[in-house]
Amino acid sequence: MTTQKTRIGLIGTGRIGQLHAENIAANPDIQLAWVADPFVDGARTIAARFGGTPTNDATEILDRKRVDAVLVASPTPTHIDLIEACIDHGLPVLCEKPIDLDISRVNRLRAKVASSDVPVALGFNQRFDPGFAEAHRRVSAGEIRDVEQLTIVSRDLAAPPESYIAVSGGIFRDMTIHDFDMARFFLGDVVEVSATGSCLFDEGARRQGDDDTVVVTLKARTGAIATIINSRHSAIGYEQRLEAFGAGGVIQVVNAPSSLVSRSGAQGVETKSPYIESFLDRYAAAYAAELAEFIKLTRGEASTSPTVEDGRAALMIADAAQRAAQERTVVTIGAE
């Protein structure tokens, strides 16, 4: 029996949109049906490479006669309006993180999602990284017994442009939010947040009142403690490490190498290349798996796609971290 391909409408053709277009084209269960971007040349370029009809008007995509689901990869300020429009048209939607930078707007969306049966998924792709996913499975299976400490290290290769920082919502809502979701993925609900930050090297961040270096401590409802270490630069490549510690041992996910080849000589032993430099390369498999999981959701199958509730919880932690760093206090997060 042949399953009909799921027709996807893609909104946004920046770096993430282009990656999603490639993954849609590579998945035999999916068809790129429509591509929308206000800068229509970007939509035309994607359509020429991967198929679909280009448009500069996202509302053209929102038609069940044209698409079966929508993938939103447009700028953050557009996310909530597009998610709501998809719900109104009965179209399952996968939206990049964050949902929004304003928790009050997220709360209003939350109510609409709860009253609808339209599937809505959030793009926390790191959950689908093969290494992190295996570590999570093994932790969940009790290999180290209960997790007592979780350590996450995330360091970008270089700071983003100042123009991006200006609209990003700050490092906690932009960069660390992935780590907040990962902490919840391993530990469950977070009830307490403390954080500190500095601007050590990025003048663009300094001018925008943002930090380039932060450390966050989270306490889960179980009592387990997570430490998150972030930097906007790394001379050794893109750093993405995780360690879960419990009475039964340690489970680690190490940095992904850019090469398996090393050299030994008089100048050094086992000299290796830097780690993978791009998050698009580091998480290529994760983005593909995230998309496949979303397709299962659109077809009514069991799916582990992150939800609006996950996005809201991560944003609440980000807001708490921002406050904790500014006020030099410990912030408690309630159940709601």
Protein backbone atom coordinates (compact mmCIF):
# COMPACT_ATOMS: atom_id res chain seq x y z
CA MET A 1 0.00 0.00 0.00
CA THR A 2 1.45 3.36 -1.05
CA THR A 3 1.10 6.26 1.38
CA GLN A 4 0.35 9.59 -0.24
CA LYS A 5 3.05 12.19 0.27
CA THR A 6 2.39 14.91 2.83
CA ARG A 7 2.36 18.28 1.07
CA ILE A 8 4.29 20.86 3.07
CA GLY A 9 4.02 24.63 2.86
CA LEU A 10 7.28 26.28 3.96
CA ILE A 11 7.22 29.86 5.31
CA GLY A 12 10.64 31.53 5.50
CA THR A 13 13.70 30.90 3.33
CA GLY A 14 16.60 32.01 5.53
CA ARG A 15 19.30 29.58 6.72
CA ILE A 16 16.85 27.39 8.66
CA GLY A 17 14.24 27.55 5.92
CA GLN A 18 16.80 26.39 3.37
CA LEU A 19 17.82 23.49 5.61
CA HIS A 20 14.19 22.47 6.08
CA ALA A 21 13.65 22.63 2.31
CA GLU A 22 16.58 20.26 1.77
CA ASN A 23 15.21 17.85 4.37
CA ILE A 24 11.72 17.96 2.87
CA ALA A 25 13.17 17.15 -0.55
CA ALA A 26 15.23 14.28 0.90
CA ASN A 27 12.28 12.67 2.70
CA PRO A 28 10.34 10.29 0.42
CA ASP A 29 7.15 10.80 2.47
CA ILE A 30 7.00 14.56 1.92
CA GLN A 31 6.54 16.98 -0.94
CA LEU A 32 7.46 20.67 -0.86
CA ALA A 33 4.26 22.10 -2.29
CA TRP A 34 4.50 25.84 -1.57
CA VAL A 35 7.23 28.24 -0.43
CA ALA A 36 6.50 31.70 0.99
CA ASP A 37 8.77 34.63 1.80
CA PRO A 38 8.14 38.39 1.61
CA PHE A 39 11.42 38.53 -0.29
CA VAL A 40 10.02 36.43 -3.08
CA ASP A 41 13.38 35.82 -4.75
CA GLY A 42 14.27 33.57 -1.81
CA ALA A 43 11.05 31.60 -2.33
CA ARG A 44 11.75 31.34 -6.04
CA THR A 45 15.27 30.06 -5.44
CA ILE A 46 14.05 27.36 -3.05
CA ALA A 47 11.23 26.34 -5.41
CA ALA A 48 13.65 26.11 -8.33
CA ARG A 49 15.90 23.76 -6.34
CA PHE A 50 13.36 21.64 -4.51
CA GLY A 51 9.99 22.14 -6.18
CA GLY A 52 6.82 23.86 -5.06
CA THR A 53 5.09 27.10 -5.92
CA PRO A 54 6.77 30.33 -4.72
CA THR A 55 4.85 33.27 -3.28
CA ASN A 56 5.51 36.42 -1.28
CA ASP A 57 2.21 36.02 0.60
CA ALA A 58 2.10 33.38 3.36
CA THR A 59 -1.71 33.45 3.37
CA GLU A 60 -1.68 31.80 -0.06
CA ILE A 61 -0.23 28.70 1.56
CA LEU A 62 -2.97 28.39 4.18
CA ASP A 63 -5.33 26.28 2.10
CA ARG A 64 -5.95 22.57 2.70
CA LYS A 65 -6.44 22.13 -1.03
CA ARG A 66 -2.82 23.19 -1.51
CA VAL A 67 -0.98 21.81 1.54
CA ASP A 68 -1.46 19.26 4.30
CA ALA A 69 0.81 20.93 6.86
CA VAL A 70 2.92 24.04 7.35
CA LEU A 71 6.49 24.57 8.52
CA VAL A 72 7.19 28.04 9.93
CA ALA A 73 10.83 29.15 9.65
CA SER A 74 10.19 32.89 9.50
CA PRO A 75 11.39 35.52 12.07
CA THR A 76 10.18 35.15 15.66
CA PRO A 77 7.74 38.12 15.63
CA THR A 78 5.68 36.33 12.95
CA HIS A 79 5.39 32.99 14.76
CA ILE A 80 2.24 33.39 16.83
CA ASP A 81 0.17 34.99 14.07
CA LEU A 82 1.15 32.20 11.67
CA ILE A 83 0.48 29.44 14.21
CA GLU A 84 -2.96 30.90 14.92
CA ALA A 85 -3.70 31.17 11.20
CA CYS A 86 -2.72 27.52 10.70
CA ILE A 87 -5.04 26.48 13.54
CA ASP A 88 -7.87 28.52 12.01
CA HIS A 89 -7.36 26.70 8.70
CA GLY A 90 -7.03 23.26 10.30
CA LEU A 91 -3.41 22.86 9.21
CA PRO A 92 -0.86 21.06 11.42
CA VAL A 93 2.15 23.30 11.98
CA LEU A 94 5.77 22.90 13.02
CA CYS A 95 7.23 26.23 14.16
CA GLU A 96 10.82 27.12 14.93
CA LYS A 97 11.66 28.23 18.45
CA PRO A 98 10.97 30.46 20.29
CA ILE A 99 7.20 30.77 20.03
CA ASP A 100 7.50 34.44 20.91
CA LEU A 101 9.53 36.70 23.21
CA ASP A 102 6.45 37.79 25.20
CA ILE A 103 5.08 35.18 27.62
CA SER A 104 1.66 36.92 27.73
CA ARG A 105 1.24 36.36 23.99
CA VAL A 106 2.36 32.76 24.41
CA ASN A 107 -0.24 32.27 27.14
CA ARG A 108 -2.99 33.51 24.83
CA LEU A 109 -1.80 31.11 22.11
CA ARG A 110 -1.68 28.32 24.68
CA ALA A 111 -5.40 28.70 25.32
CA LYS A 112 -6.17 28.57 21.62
CA VAL A 113 -4.05 25.46 21.10
CA ALA A 114 -5.70 23.75 24.07
CA SER A 115 -9.17 24.34 22.63
CA SER A 116 -8.20 23.00 19.20
CA ASP A 117 -7.41 19.54 17.91
CA VAL A 118 -4.95 20.87 15.28
CA PRO A 119 -1.43 19.49 15.94
CA VAL A 120 1.16 22.17 16.80
CA ALA A 121 4.84 21.25 17.24
CA LEU A 122 7.84 23.34 18.33
CA GLY A 123 11.29 23.13 16.77
CA PHE A 124 13.50 22.01 19.63
CA ASN A 125 15.61 19.94 17.27
CA GLN A 126 18.30 18.97 19.78
CA ARG A 127 15.96 16.40 21.33
CA PHE A 128 16.33 14.45 18.09
CA ASP A 129 20.13 14.54 17.91
CA PRO A 130 21.25 10.88 17.85
CA GLY A 131 23.70 11.36 20.72
CA PHE A 132 21.36 13.30 22.99
CA ALA A 133 18.46 10.99 22.14
CA GLU A 134 20.50 7.90 23.05
CA ALA A 135 21.67 9.50 26.28
CA HIS A 136 18.06 10.33 27.15
CA ARG A 137 16.92 6.77 26.43
CA ARG A 138 19.65 5.33 28.63
CA VAL A 139 19.00 7.78 31.45
CA SER A 140 15.27 7.01 31.24
CA ALA A 141 16.08 3.29 31.40
CA GLY A 142 17.77 3.86 34.77
CA GLU A 143 21.35 3.09 33.78
CA ILE A 144 22.72 5.65 36.23
CA ARG A 145 19.68 5.50 38.54
CA ASP A 146 18.11 8.89 39.29
CA VAL A 147 19.86 11.89 37.74
CA GLU A 148 21.40 14.06 40.45
CA GLN A 149 23.37 16.49 38.32
CA LEU A 150 23.09 17.51 34.67
CA THR A 151 25.78 19.62 32.99
CA ILE A 152 25.26 21.19 29.56
CA VAL A 153 27.98 23.12 27.72
CA SER A 154 27.02 25.10 24.60
CA ARG A 155 29.49 27.47 22.92
CA ASP A 156 28.93 28.98 19.50
CA LEU A 157 31.79 29.40 17.05
CA ALA A 158 31.32 33.18 16.89
CA ALA A 159 28.89 35.85 18.05
CA PRO A 160 25.99 36.73 15.71
CA PRO A 161 25.69 40.16 14.06
CA GLU A 162 24.56 43.02 16.27
CA SER A 163 21.47 43.43 14.09
CA TYR A 164 20.44 39.90 15.06
CA ILE A 165 21.15 40.40 18.76
CA ALA A 166 18.98 43.52 18.71
CA VAL A 167 15.85 41.47 17.88
CA SER A 168 16.81 38.13 19.46
CA GLY A 169 15.43 38.75 22.94
CA GLY A 170 18.87 38.25 24.46
CA ILE A 171 21.14 35.27 24.96
CA PHE A 172 18.83 33.46 27.41
CA ARG A 173 15.80 33.54 25.06
CA ASP A 174 17.81 32.99 21.88
CA MET A 175 20.71 30.63 22.62
CA THR A 176 20.22 29.16 26.10
CA ILE A 177 16.57 28.33 25.42
CA HIS A 178 17.70 25.14 23.66
CA ASP A 179 19.56 24.12 26.81
CA PHE A 180 16.56 24.97 28.97
CA ASP A 181 14.48 22.59 26.87
CA MET A 182 17.20 19.95 27.07
CA ALA A 183 17.30 20.29 30.87
CA ARG A 184 13.52 19.74 31.02
CA PHE A 185 13.88 16.81 28.59
CA PHE A 186 16.19 15.05 31.06
CA LEU A 187 14.94 16.32 34.43
CA GLY A 188 11.29 17.29 34.05
CA ASP A 189 9.80 20.47 35.51
CA VAL A 190 12.17 23.21 36.66
CA VAL A 191 11.16 25.08 39.82
CA GLU A 192 14.14 27.31 40.63
CA VAL A 193 16.52 29.40 38.50
CA SER A 194 19.69 31.35 39.22
CA ALA A 195 21.96 32.91 36.60
CA THR A 196 24.87 35.23 36.03
CA GLY A 197 26.24 36.77 32.87
CA SER A 198 29.04 38.96 31.53
CA CYS A 199 29.88 40.71 28.30
CA LEU A 200 33.55 39.89 27.84
CA PHE A 201 34.30 40.23 24.13
CA ASP A 202 31.32 41.12 21.90
CA GLU A 203 30.91 44.88 21.48
CA GLY A 204 27.64 44.36 19.59
CA ALA A 205 26.15 42.53 22.58
CA ARG A 206 27.48 45.22 24.90
CA ARG A 207 25.80 47.98 22.90
CA GLN A 208 22.53 46.01 22.99
CA GLY A 209 22.71 45.44 26.74
CA ASP A 210 23.19 41.69 26.27
CA ASP A 211 25.73 39.18 27.59
CA ASP A 212 28.03 36.94 25.59
CA THR A 213 28.95 34.62 28.49
CA VAL A 214 26.43 33.10 30.92
CA VAL A 215 26.11 30.36 33.52
CA VAL A 216 22.69 29.17 34.71
CA THR A 217 21.77 26.84 37.56
CA LEU A 218 18.39 25.11 37.54
CA LYS A 219 16.72 23.02 40.21
CA ALA A 220 14.20 20.45 39.03
CA ARG A 221 11.10 19.44 40.97
CA THR A 222 12.93 16.16 41.74
CA GLY A 223 15.72 18.12 43.44
CA ALA A 224 18.22 17.39 40.66
CA ILE A 225 20.44 20.30 39.65
CA ALA A 226 21.39 21.36 36.12
CA THR A 227 24.30 23.64 35.28
CA ILE A 228 24.29 25.31 31.86
CA ILE A 229 27.43 27.01 30.52
CA ASN A 230 27.16 29.20 27.40
CA SER A 231 29.53 31.35 25.38
CA ARG A 232 29.07 33.18 22.10
CA HIS A 233 32.55 32.16 20.89
CA SER A 234 34.79 29.10 20.85
CA ALA A 235 38.25 28.80 19.32
CA ILE A 236 38.02 25.00 19.11
CA GLY A 237 34.81 24.77 17.08
CA TYR A 238 31.11 24.44 17.93
CA GLU A 239 30.91 22.97 21.44
CA GLN A 240 27.89 20.89 22.41
CA ARG A 241 28.44 18.61 25.40
CA LEU A 242 26.22 17.01 28.02
CA GLU A 243 26.84 14.98 31.15
CA ALA A 244 24.22 13.24 33.29
CA PHE A 245 25.45 12.05 36.69
CA GLY A 246 23.76 9.72 39.17
CA ALA A 247 24.55 7.15 41.83
CA GLY A 248 24.96 4.52 39.12
CA GLY A 249 27.52 6.41 37.04
CA VAL A 250 27.83 9.01 34.31
CA ILE A 251 26.41 9.23 30.79
CA GLN A 252 28.15 11.72 28.50
CA VAL A 253 27.64 13.16 25.02
CA VAL A 254 30.90 14.59 23.71
CA ASN A 255 31.63 17.16 21.01
CA ALA A 256 31.24 16.02 17.41
CA PRO A 257 34.60 15.89 15.61
CA SER A 258 35.03 17.41 12.16
CA SER A 259 37.45 14.59 11.27
CA LEU A 260 38.30 11.15 12.63
CA VAL A 261 41.94 11.60 11.57
CA SER A 262 44.70 12.64 13.97
CA ARG A 263 48.45 13.19 13.60
CA SER A 264 51.25 12.45 16.02
CA GLY A 265 54.77 13.80 15.75
CA ALA A 266 57.48 15.78 17.51
CA GLN A 267 55.20 18.82 17.80
CA GLY A 268 52.32 16.96 19.40
CA VAL A 269 50.53 13.66 19.90
CA GLU A 270 47.13 12.81 18.42
CA THR A 271 46.70 16.32 17.04
CA LYS A 272 43.18 16.68 15.66
CA SER A 273 41.12 19.19 13.71
CA PRO A 274 38.71 21.53 15.56
CA TYR A 275 35.18 20.34 16.25
CA ILE A 276 32.38 20.80 13.71
CA GLU A 277 32.01 24.53 13.12
CA SER A 278 28.35 24.97 12.11
CA PHE A 279 25.21 24.15 14.08
CA LEU A 280 23.60 23.29 10.72
CA ASP A 281 26.18 20.52 10.27
CA ARG A 282 26.25 19.47 13.93
CA TYR A 283 22.47 19.02 14.03
CA ALA A 284 21.82 17.95 10.44
CA ALA A 285 20.54 14.52 11.51
CA ALA A 286 18.48 16.10 14.30
CA TYR A 287 16.65 18.45 11.93
CA ALA A 288 15.83 15.56 9.60
CA ALA A 289 14.54 13.42 12.48
CA GLU A 290 12.52 16.35 13.86
CA LEU A 291 10.77 16.71 10.50
CA ALA A 292 10.04 12.97 10.25
CA GLU A 293 8.54 13.02 13.75
CA PHE A 294 6.33 15.97 12.80
CA ILE A 295 5.01 14.08 9.77
CA LYS A 296 3.96 11.27 12.11
CA LEU A 297 2.08 13.86 14.16
CA THR A 298 0.26 15.20 11.08
CA ARG A 299 -0.90 11.67 10.27
CA GLY A 300 -2.33 11.03 13.72
CA GLU A 301 0.43 8.63 14.69
CA ALA A 302 2.22 8.55 18.04
CA SER A 303 4.80 11.33 18.05
CA THR A 304 7.39 12.80 20.41
CA SER A 305 7.34 16.25 18.79
CA PRO A 306 7.82 19.03 21.37
CA THR A 307 4.66 21.02 22.03
CA VAL A 308 3.60 24.58 22.73
CA GLU A 309 3.69 23.59 26.42
CA ASP A 310 7.39 22.74 26.00
CA GLY A 311 8.03 26.05 24.25
CA ARG A 312 6.17 27.98 26.94
CA ALA A 313 8.06 26.23 29.74
CA ALA A 314 11.44 26.96 28.12
CA LEU A 315 10.51 30.63 27.66
CA MET A 316 9.43 30.87 31.31
CA ILE A 317 12.85 29.56 32.35
CA ALA A 318 14.54 32.04 30.00
CA ASP A 319 12.55 34.92 31.49
CA ALA A 320 13.44 33.72 34.98
CA ALA A 321 17.13 33.47 34.06
CA GLN A 322 17.07 37.02 32.69
CA ARG A 323 15.54 38.30 35.90
CA ALA A 324 17.89 36.23 38.08
CA ALA A 325 20.95 37.62 36.29
CA GLN A 326 19.74 41.22 36.41
CA GLU A 327 18.56 41.18 40.02
CA ARG A 328 21.19 38.75 41.33
CA THR A 329 18.52 36.62 42.94
CA VAL A 330 17.04 33.14 42.78
CA VAL A 331 13.75 33.02 40.87
CA THR A 332 11.06 30.45 41.64
CA ILE A 333 8.86 29.12 38.83
CA GLY A 334 5.31 28.09 39.68
CA ALA A 335 3.34 25.19 38.25
CA GLU A 336 1.33 27.41 35.90
